[in-house]
Structure formats: structure tokens, C-alpha cells
Amino acid sequence: MVYKVLILLLRLGSGLYILRQGFEKLTGGFAIDGLVSVIRDNQDSPEWYKTFFEVVVAQHLELFKWAVQIGEIAIGLGLILGVMSYTASFFGVFIMVNYILADMIFTYPLQLVCFVILLMNRHTLELLSLNHFIKRKNIRNDEYGTRTHSG
């Protein structure tokens, strides 16, 4: 039971943190175009990642700007509400790895570890999900409805 509570708290905390990040980007004028030159000029990002940013991201700035903002918000809401938590955790790992590749290493390793822990606990995430509780309620309603019709 304590284990499930810890996973729930980790899911909620990770969700709140990334939701806040996405909301700050959405309302704070997030500009991905400045990131392209930073990644190009830094010494720590791999060459293939720098090339990806210059060739793909730089050519589609508006798309990537919205994808990052909306993606973080969707991940946060998924984790907080318990809807598609495993999928949200997967994309949380994806975003954190990208931030680390972009040499933004200050808090993202801790977030990455939290998302990986959530991924490693798929069954517990499913037990604590909103989907699970909705299914249980529907099963109970079906059982109750069946008894009243037959009896």
C-alpha cells in the first residue's frame, strides 16, 4: 500500500512539475528559435542532434514551439488526472532526453529518473488510473443492473 502511495505521489508531482513548465512556456513567450543557435554553438550536444536542430527544427519553428508547449501540458494533465499515465511517462522521458541532449542539464536528470520510475511501474500506474476506477464503476453498475433485471 505504501508503495502505491509513493508511485501516486511521484506521478502527481511529476505531472504538476511538467504542467507548470508547459504553462510557463505557453504564457511566457517561449521562443524555440533562440534555442537553435544555442544548441548549434554549445560543445556538449552531439553533432547529429545539432544537425537535427539546424535542418529540421529551424525550418519548422512554429510547429516545434507548439509541440513542446502543448506536449508538456498534455503530459502533465495525463499524469495528474491518471489518464494514459504510462504513455505520458513515456513522452516525459522523451522530452527530458531531448532537454539533456540540448545541454539543459540543471533539473532534467531528476525529472528523467522520476519518469523512468513511473515507466517501470506500469501495473501500479494502471491500478491508480482514472480509467481503472471508471472501469470498476461500470462493472459494478453492470452487475447491479443485471441483478435487478433478473430478480
N, C-alpha and C. Protein backbone atom coordinates (compact mmCIF):
# COMPACT_ATOMS: atom_id res chain seq x y z
N MET A 1 0.83 -1.20 0.00
CA MET A 1 0.00 0.00 0.00
C MET A 1 0.87 1.26 0.00
N VAL A 2 1.91 1.28 0.82
CA VAL A 2 2.81 2.43 0.87
C VAL A 2 3.47 2.65 -0.49
N TYR A 3 3.82 1.55 -1.14
CA TYR A 3 4.44 1.60 -2.46
C TYR A 3 3.51 2.29 -3.46
N LYS A 4 2.24 1.94 -3.44
CA LYS A 4 1.27 2.55 -4.36
C LYS A 4 1.11 4.04 -4.08
N VAL A 5 1.13 4.40 -2.82
CA VAL A 5 1.02 5.82 -2.46
C VAL A 5 2.25 6.59 -2.97
N LEU A 6 3.43 5.98 -2.83
CA LEU A 6 4.64 6.64 -3.32
C LEU A 6 4.60 6.83 -4.85
N ILE A 7 4.14 5.82 -5.56
CA ILE A 7 4.02 5.92 -7.02
C ILE A 7 2.98 7.00 -7.38
N LEU A 8 1.88 7.03 -6.64
CA LEU A 8 0.86 8.05 -6.88
C LEU A 8 1.44 9.45 -6.65
N LEU A 9 2.16 9.63 -5.56
CA LEU A 9 2.76 10.94 -5.28
C LEU A 9 3.80 11.31 -6.33
N LEU A 10 4.58 10.35 -6.78
CA LEU A 10 5.56 10.59 -7.83
C LEU A 10 4.86 10.98 -9.13
N ARG A 11 3.77 10.28 -9.45
CA ARG A 11 3.00 10.59 -10.66
C ARG A 11 2.42 12.00 -10.58
N LEU A 12 1.82 12.33 -9.46
CA LEU A 12 1.21 13.65 -9.29
C LEU A 12 2.26 14.76 -9.28
N GLY A 13 3.37 14.52 -8.57
CA GLY A 13 4.43 15.52 -8.51
C GLY A 13 5.06 15.76 -9.87
N SER A 14 5.33 14.69 -10.60
CA SER A 14 5.91 14.82 -11.94
C SER A 14 4.93 15.52 -12.87
N GLY A 15 3.65 15.19 -12.74
CA GLY A 15 2.63 15.83 -13.55
C GLY A 15 2.51 17.31 -13.28
N LEU A 16 2.49 17.68 -12.01
CA LEU A 16 2.40 19.10 -11.65
C LEU A 16 3.62 19.88 -12.15
N TYR A 17 4.79 19.28 -12.00
CA TYR A 17 6.02 19.96 -12.40
C TYR A 17 6.06 20.23 -13.91
N ILE A 18 5.75 19.22 -14.71
CA ILE A 18 5.84 19.41 -16.16
C ILE A 18 4.65 20.23 -16.68
N LEU A 19 3.50 20.15 -16.02
CA LEU A 19 2.38 21.01 -16.39
C LEU A 19 2.75 22.47 -16.17
N ARG A 20 3.38 22.75 -15.05
CA ARG A 20 3.81 24.12 -14.76
C ARG A 20 4.82 24.60 -15.80
N GLN A 21 5.75 23.73 -16.17
CA GLN A 21 6.74 24.09 -17.19
C GLN A 21 6.05 24.43 -18.51
N GLY A 22 5.10 23.60 -18.91
CA GLY A 22 4.39 23.84 -20.16
C GLY A 22 3.58 25.11 -20.12
N PHE A 23 2.91 25.35 -18.99
CA PHE A 23 2.10 26.56 -18.85
C PHE A 23 2.98 27.80 -18.87
N GLU A 24 4.14 27.73 -18.21
CA GLU A 24 5.07 28.88 -18.24
C GLU A 24 5.57 29.16 -19.65
N LYS A 25 5.82 28.10 -20.41
CA LYS A 25 6.24 28.29 -21.80
C LYS A 25 5.11 28.90 -22.62
N LEU A 26 3.90 28.43 -22.39
CA LEU A 26 2.74 28.90 -23.14
C LEU A 26 2.45 30.36 -22.86
N THR A 27 2.54 30.77 -21.61
CA THR A 27 2.19 32.15 -21.23
C THR A 27 3.40 33.08 -21.19
N GLY A 28 4.60 32.54 -21.24
CA GLY A 28 5.79 33.37 -21.09
C GLY A 28 6.50 33.71 -22.38
N GLY A 29 5.89 33.42 -23.51
CA GLY A 29 6.52 33.77 -24.78
C GLY A 29 7.69 32.87 -25.14
N PHE A 30 7.54 31.58 -24.96
CA PHE A 30 8.58 30.60 -25.30
C PHE A 30 8.99 30.75 -26.76
N ALA A 31 10.29 30.91 -26.98
CA ALA A 31 10.82 31.06 -28.34
C ALA A 31 11.87 29.99 -28.59
N ILE A 32 11.55 29.06 -29.45
CA ILE A 32 12.47 27.96 -29.74
C ILE A 32 13.57 28.40 -30.70
N ASP A 33 13.36 29.51 -31.41
CA ASP A 33 14.37 29.96 -32.38
C ASP A 33 15.70 30.30 -31.72
N GLY A 34 15.67 30.85 -30.51
CA GLY A 34 16.90 31.14 -29.80
C GLY A 34 17.64 29.88 -29.39
N LEU A 35 16.89 28.82 -29.21
CA LEU A 35 17.47 27.54 -28.81
C LEU A 35 18.30 26.92 -29.93
N VAL A 36 17.91 27.17 -31.17
CA VAL A 36 18.63 26.60 -32.32
C VAL A 36 20.08 27.05 -32.31
N SER A 37 20.32 28.33 -32.13
CA SER A 37 21.71 28.83 -32.12
C SER A 37 22.47 28.38 -30.88
N VAL A 38 21.78 28.29 -29.75
CA VAL A 38 22.44 27.83 -28.52
C VAL A 38 22.92 26.39 -28.69
N ILE A 39 22.06 25.54 -29.25
CA ILE A 39 22.43 24.14 -29.45
C ILE A 39 23.55 24.03 -30.48
N ARG A 40 23.46 24.80 -31.54
CA ARG A 40 24.49 24.77 -32.58
C ARG A 40 25.87 25.14 -32.01
N ASP A 41 25.90 26.11 -31.10
CA ASP A 41 27.18 26.63 -30.60
C ASP A 41 27.71 25.93 -29.35
N ASN A 42 26.90 25.11 -28.69
CA ASN A 42 27.42 24.51 -27.46
C ASN A 42 28.35 23.33 -27.78
N GLN A 43 29.13 22.96 -26.82
CA GLN A 43 30.14 21.91 -27.01
C GLN A 43 29.65 20.53 -26.58
N ASP A 44 28.52 20.47 -25.89
CA ASP A 44 28.10 19.22 -25.27
C ASP A 44 27.06 18.42 -26.06
N SER A 45 26.30 19.07 -26.91
CA SER A 45 25.28 18.35 -27.69
C SER A 45 25.95 17.53 -28.78
N PRO A 46 25.45 16.33 -29.04
CA PRO A 46 26.02 15.51 -30.12
C PRO A 46 25.81 16.19 -31.49
N GLU A 47 26.70 15.91 -32.40
CA GLU A 47 26.62 16.53 -33.74
C GLU A 47 25.31 16.19 -34.44
N TRP A 48 24.85 14.95 -34.32
CA TRP A 48 23.61 14.58 -35.00
C TRP A 48 22.42 15.38 -34.48
N TYR A 49 22.47 15.72 -33.17
CA TYR A 49 21.38 16.49 -32.58
C TYR A 49 21.45 17.94 -33.06
N LYS A 50 22.65 18.48 -33.16
CA LYS A 50 22.83 19.83 -33.69
C LYS A 50 22.33 19.90 -35.12
N THR A 51 22.65 18.90 -35.91
CA THR A 51 22.21 18.85 -37.31
C THR A 51 20.68 18.77 -37.38
N PHE A 52 20.08 17.94 -36.54
CA PHE A 52 18.63 17.83 -36.49
C PHE A 52 18.00 19.20 -36.21
N PHE A 53 18.55 19.92 -35.25
CA PHE A 53 18.00 21.22 -34.91
C PHE A 53 18.15 22.22 -36.06
N GLU A 54 19.30 22.22 -36.71
CA GLU A 54 19.51 23.16 -37.80
C GLU A 54 18.69 22.82 -39.04
N VAL A 55 18.57 21.54 -39.35
CA VAL A 55 17.89 21.14 -40.59
C VAL A 55 16.38 21.01 -40.40
N VAL A 56 15.94 20.42 -39.30
CA VAL A 56 14.51 20.16 -39.12
C VAL A 56 13.83 21.23 -38.26
N VAL A 57 14.32 21.42 -37.05
CA VAL A 57 13.65 22.34 -36.12
C VAL A 57 13.68 23.77 -36.65
N ALA A 58 14.83 24.22 -37.13
CA ALA A 58 14.95 25.60 -37.62
C ALA A 58 14.00 25.88 -38.79
N GLN A 59 13.65 24.84 -39.53
CA GLN A 59 12.75 25.01 -40.68
C GLN A 59 11.27 24.95 -40.29
N HIS A 60 11.00 24.51 -39.07
CA HIS A 60 9.62 24.36 -38.60
C HIS A 60 9.47 24.90 -37.17
N LEU A 61 9.93 26.11 -36.95
CA LEU A 61 9.97 26.67 -35.59
C LEU A 61 8.59 26.73 -34.94
N GLU A 62 7.60 27.18 -35.66
CA GLU A 62 6.26 27.33 -35.07
C GLU A 62 5.69 25.98 -34.65
N LEU A 63 5.88 24.96 -35.47
CA LEU A 63 5.41 23.61 -35.15
C LEU A 63 6.06 23.09 -33.88
N PHE A 64 7.38 23.21 -33.78
CA PHE A 64 8.09 22.70 -32.61
C PHE A 64 7.79 23.53 -31.37
N LYS A 65 7.60 24.83 -31.55
CA LYS A 65 7.24 25.69 -30.42
C LYS A 65 5.95 25.19 -29.79
N TRP A 66 4.92 24.95 -30.61
CA TRP A 66 3.65 24.49 -30.09
C TRP A 66 3.72 23.04 -29.60
N ALA A 67 4.48 22.22 -30.28
CA ALA A 67 4.60 20.81 -29.87
C ALA A 67 5.19 20.69 -28.47
N VAL A 68 6.20 21.51 -28.17
CA VAL A 68 6.83 21.47 -26.84
C VAL A 68 5.84 21.95 -25.78
N GLN A 69 5.21 23.09 -26.02
CA GLN A 69 4.29 23.65 -25.02
C GLN A 69 3.10 22.74 -24.77
N ILE A 70 2.41 22.36 -25.83
CA ILE A 70 1.22 21.53 -25.71
C ILE A 70 1.60 20.13 -25.21
N GLY A 71 2.75 19.64 -25.64
CA GLY A 71 3.22 18.33 -25.19
C GLY A 71 3.44 18.29 -23.69
N GLU A 72 4.09 19.29 -23.15
CA GLU A 72 4.33 19.33 -21.71
C GLU A 72 3.01 19.44 -20.94
N ILE A 73 2.10 20.25 -21.44
CA ILE A 73 0.80 20.39 -20.78
C ILE A 73 0.03 19.07 -20.83
N ALA A 74 0.04 18.41 -21.97
CA ALA A 74 -0.67 17.13 -22.12
C ALA A 74 -0.07 16.06 -21.20
N ILE A 75 1.25 16.00 -21.13
CA ILE A 75 1.90 15.04 -20.23
C ILE A 75 1.50 15.33 -18.79
N GLY A 76 1.55 16.58 -18.40
CA GLY A 76 1.18 16.95 -17.04
C GLY A 76 -0.26 16.59 -16.70
N LEU A 77 -1.18 16.93 -17.60
CA LEU A 77 -2.59 16.61 -17.36
C LEU A 77 -2.82 15.10 -17.32
N GLY A 78 -2.16 14.37 -18.21
CA GLY A 78 -2.30 12.92 -18.22
C GLY A 78 -1.86 12.30 -16.91
N LEU A 79 -0.75 12.79 -16.37
CA LEU A 79 -0.25 12.25 -15.11
C LEU A 79 -1.11 12.68 -13.93
N ILE A 80 -1.53 13.92 -13.90
CA ILE A 80 -2.34 14.41 -12.79
C ILE A 80 -3.70 13.72 -12.76
N LEU A 81 -4.33 13.62 -13.92
CA LEU A 81 -5.67 13.04 -13.98
C LEU A 81 -5.65 11.52 -13.99
N GLY A 82 -4.50 10.93 -14.25
CA GLY A 82 -4.42 9.47 -14.29
C GLY A 82 -5.00 8.90 -15.57
N VAL A 83 -4.90 9.63 -16.64
CA VAL A 83 -5.39 9.18 -17.94
C VAL A 83 -4.18 8.97 -18.84
N MET A 84 -4.01 7.75 -19.30
CA MET A 84 -2.86 7.41 -20.15
C MET A 84 -1.53 7.75 -19.46
N SER A 85 -1.43 7.44 -18.19
CA SER A 85 -0.26 7.78 -17.39
C SER A 85 1.02 7.13 -17.92
N TYR A 86 0.90 5.90 -18.38
CA TYR A 86 2.08 5.21 -18.90
C TYR A 86 2.58 5.90 -20.17
N THR A 87 1.66 6.25 -21.06
CA THR A 87 2.02 6.96 -22.29
C THR A 87 2.60 8.33 -21.96
N ALA A 88 1.99 9.02 -21.01
CA ALA A 88 2.50 10.33 -20.59
C ALA A 88 3.91 10.19 -20.01
N SER A 89 4.17 9.14 -19.25
CA SER A 89 5.50 8.91 -18.69
C SER A 89 6.51 8.65 -19.81
N PHE A 90 6.11 7.89 -20.83
CA PHE A 90 6.99 7.63 -21.97
C PHE A 90 7.39 8.95 -22.65
N PHE A 91 6.40 9.79 -22.93
CA PHE A 91 6.71 11.06 -23.57
C PHE A 91 7.45 12.01 -22.64
N GLY A 92 7.26 11.86 -21.33
CA GLY A 92 8.05 12.62 -20.37
C GLY A 92 9.53 12.25 -20.49
N VAL A 93 9.82 10.96 -20.60
CA VAL A 93 11.20 10.51 -20.81
C VAL A 93 11.74 11.10 -22.11
N PHE A 94 10.94 11.03 -23.18
CA PHE A 94 11.35 11.55 -24.48
C PHE A 94 11.73 13.03 -24.39
N ILE A 95 10.89 13.83 -23.75
CA ILE A 95 11.18 15.26 -23.63
C ILE A 95 12.41 15.51 -22.78
N MET A 96 12.54 14.80 -21.66
CA MET A 96 13.70 15.02 -20.79
C MET A 96 15.01 14.63 -21.49
N VAL A 97 15.00 13.55 -22.26
CA VAL A 97 16.20 13.16 -23.00
C VAL A 97 16.55 14.25 -24.01
N ASN A 98 15.55 14.81 -24.67
CA ASN A 98 15.81 15.90 -25.61
C ASN A 98 16.39 17.12 -24.91
N TYR A 99 15.89 17.45 -23.74
CA TYR A 99 16.43 18.59 -22.99
C TYR A 99 17.88 18.34 -22.58
N ILE A 100 18.17 17.12 -22.18
CA ILE A 100 19.54 16.78 -21.80
C ILE A 100 20.46 16.84 -23.02
N LEU A 101 19.99 16.33 -24.17
CA LEU A 101 20.78 16.42 -25.40
C LEU A 101 21.02 17.87 -25.81
N ALA A 102 20.08 18.74 -25.47
CA ALA A 102 20.20 20.16 -25.78
C ALA A 102 21.08 20.89 -24.76
N ASP A 103 21.69 20.14 -23.84
CA ASP A 103 22.59 20.68 -22.83
C ASP A 103 21.87 21.52 -21.78
N MET A 104 20.61 21.22 -21.55
CA MET A 104 19.87 21.88 -20.47
C MET A 104 19.80 20.88 -19.32
N ILE A 105 20.86 20.80 -18.57
CA ILE A 105 21.05 19.68 -17.66
C ILE A 105 20.75 20.01 -16.20
N PHE A 106 20.24 21.19 -15.88
CA PHE A 106 20.11 21.57 -14.49
C PHE A 106 19.12 20.73 -13.69
N THR A 107 17.85 20.62 -14.05
CA THR A 107 16.91 19.81 -13.25
C THR A 107 16.40 18.61 -14.01
N TYR A 108 16.66 18.52 -15.26
CA TYR A 108 16.04 17.48 -16.07
C TYR A 108 16.49 16.05 -15.74
N PRO A 109 17.71 15.80 -15.28
CA PRO A 109 18.04 14.42 -14.91
C PRO A 109 17.14 13.87 -13.80
N LEU A 110 16.79 14.69 -12.83
CA LEU A 110 15.89 14.25 -11.76
C LEU A 110 14.50 13.94 -12.32
N GLN A 111 14.01 14.80 -13.19
CA GLN A 111 12.72 14.54 -13.81
C GLN A 111 12.77 13.27 -14.65
N LEU A 112 13.87 13.07 -15.36
CA LEU A 112 14.04 11.88 -16.17
C LEU A 112 13.96 10.62 -15.30
N VAL A 113 14.63 10.64 -14.17
CA VAL A 113 14.60 9.49 -13.25
C VAL A 113 13.17 9.24 -12.77
N CYS A 114 12.44 10.29 -12.45
CA CYS A 114 11.04 10.12 -12.00
C CYS A 114 10.20 9.48 -13.08
N PHE A 115 10.34 9.95 -14.32
CA PHE A 115 9.56 9.36 -15.42
C PHE A 115 9.95 7.91 -15.67
N VAL A 116 11.23 7.59 -15.56
CA VAL A 116 11.68 6.21 -15.75
C VAL A 116 11.09 5.31 -14.65
N ILE A 117 11.08 5.80 -13.42
CA ILE A 117 10.47 5.02 -12.33
C ILE A 117 9.00 4.76 -12.62
N LEU A 118 8.30 5.77 -13.13
CA LEU A 118 6.89 5.57 -13.48
C LEU A 118 6.75 4.54 -14.59
N LEU A 119 7.63 4.60 -15.59
CA LEU A 119 7.58 3.61 -16.68
C LEU A 119 7.81 2.20 -16.16
N MET A 120 8.64 2.07 -15.16
CA MET A 120 8.96 0.75 -14.61
C MET A 120 7.81 0.19 -13.76
N ASN A 121 6.80 1.00 -13.52
CA ASN A 121 5.69 0.59 -12.65
C ASN A 121 4.36 0.69 -13.39
N ARG A 122 4.32 0.11 -14.57
CA ARG A 122 3.13 0.20 -15.42
C ARG A 122 1.88 -0.35 -14.73
N HIS A 123 2.01 -1.49 -14.11
CA HIS A 123 0.84 -2.11 -13.46
C HIS A 123 0.29 -1.20 -12.35
N THR A 124 1.16 -0.64 -11.55
CA THR A 124 0.72 0.24 -10.47
C THR A 124 0.08 1.50 -11.05
N LEU A 125 0.66 2.05 -12.13
CA LEU A 125 0.05 3.22 -12.78
C LEU A 125 -1.35 2.89 -13.26
N GLU A 126 -1.52 1.70 -13.82
CA GLU A 126 -2.84 1.30 -14.31
C GLU A 126 -3.83 1.13 -13.16
N LEU A 127 -3.37 0.60 -12.03
CA LEU A 127 -4.25 0.43 -10.87
C LEU A 127 -4.69 1.77 -10.29
N LEU A 128 -3.83 2.78 -10.41
CA LEU A 128 -4.12 4.09 -9.84
C LEU A 128 -4.69 5.07 -10.87
N SER A 129 -5.06 4.56 -12.03
CA SER A 129 -5.52 5.45 -13.11
C SER A 129 -7.01 5.74 -13.01
N LEU A 130 -7.39 6.83 -13.58
CA LEU A 130 -8.80 7.19 -13.66
C LEU A 130 -9.55 6.14 -14.49
N ASN A 131 -8.93 5.65 -15.54
CA ASN A 131 -9.53 4.61 -16.37
C ASN A 131 -9.90 3.38 -15.54
N HIS A 132 -9.00 2.98 -14.64
CA HIS A 132 -9.24 1.81 -13.80
C HIS A 132 -10.47 2.01 -12.91
N PHE A 133 -10.59 3.19 -12.32
CA PHE A 133 -11.72 3.45 -11.44
C PHE A 133 -13.03 3.55 -12.22
N ILE A 134 -12.98 4.09 -13.44
CA ILE A 134 -14.17 4.16 -14.29
C ILE A 134 -14.61 2.75 -14.67
N LYS A 135 -13.64 1.89 -15.05
CA LYS A 135 -13.97 0.50 -15.40
C LYS A 135 -14.60 -0.21 -14.21
N ARG A 136 -14.03 -0.03 -13.03
CA ARG A 136 -14.57 -0.68 -11.82
C ARG A 136 -16.00 -0.23 -11.55
N LYS A 137 -16.25 1.07 -11.73
CA LYS A 137 -17.59 1.61 -11.50
C LYS A 137 -18.56 1.03 -12.52
N ASN A 138 -18.14 0.94 -13.78
CA ASN A 138 -19.01 0.38 -14.82
C ASN A 138 -19.30 -1.09 -14.58
N ILE A 139 -18.30 -1.83 -14.12
CA ILE A 139 -18.51 -3.26 -13.81
C ILE A 139 -19.51 -3.40 -12.67
N ARG A 140 -19.38 -2.58 -11.65
CA ARG A 140 -20.33 -2.63 -10.52
C ARG A 140 -21.74 -2.27 -10.99
N ASN A 141 -21.84 -1.22 -11.83
CA ASN A 141 -23.15 -0.83 -12.35
C ASN A 141 -23.76 -1.93 -13.19
N ASP A 142 -22.94 -2.60 -14.01
CA ASP A 142 -23.43 -3.71 -14.83
C ASP A 142 -23.91 -4.86 -13.95
N GLU A 143 -23.14 -5.16 -12.91
CA GLU A 143 -23.54 -6.24 -12.01
C GLU A 143 -24.84 -5.89 -11.30
N TYR A 144 -24.95 -4.66 -10.85
CA TYR A 144 -26.15 -4.22 -10.16
C TYR A 144 -27.33 -4.25 -11.11
N GLY A 145 -27.14 -3.77 -12.33
CA GLY A 145 -28.22 -3.75 -13.32
C GLY A 145 -28.66 -5.15 -13.68
N THR A 146 -27.72 -6.09 -13.78
CA THR A 146 -28.05 -7.47 -14.12
C THR A 146 -28.88 -8.09 -13.03
N ARG A 147 -28.57 -7.83 -11.78
CA ARG A 147 -29.32 -8.41 -10.67
C ARG A 147 -30.75 -7.88 -10.63
N THR A 148 -30.93 -6.59 -10.89
CA THR A 148 -32.28 -6.04 -10.83
C THR A 148 -33.15 -6.54 -11.97
N HIS A 149 -32.54 -6.78 -13.14
CA HIS A 149 -33.33 -7.28 -14.27
C HIS A 149 -33.71 -8.74 -14.10
N SER A 150 -32.82 -9.52 -13.48
CA SER A 150 -33.09 -10.95 -13.37
C SER A 150 -33.87 -11.31 -12.12
N GLY A 151 -33.95 -10.39 -11.19
CA GLY A 151 -34.53 -10.81 -9.93
C GLY A 151 -35.68 -10.03 -9.55
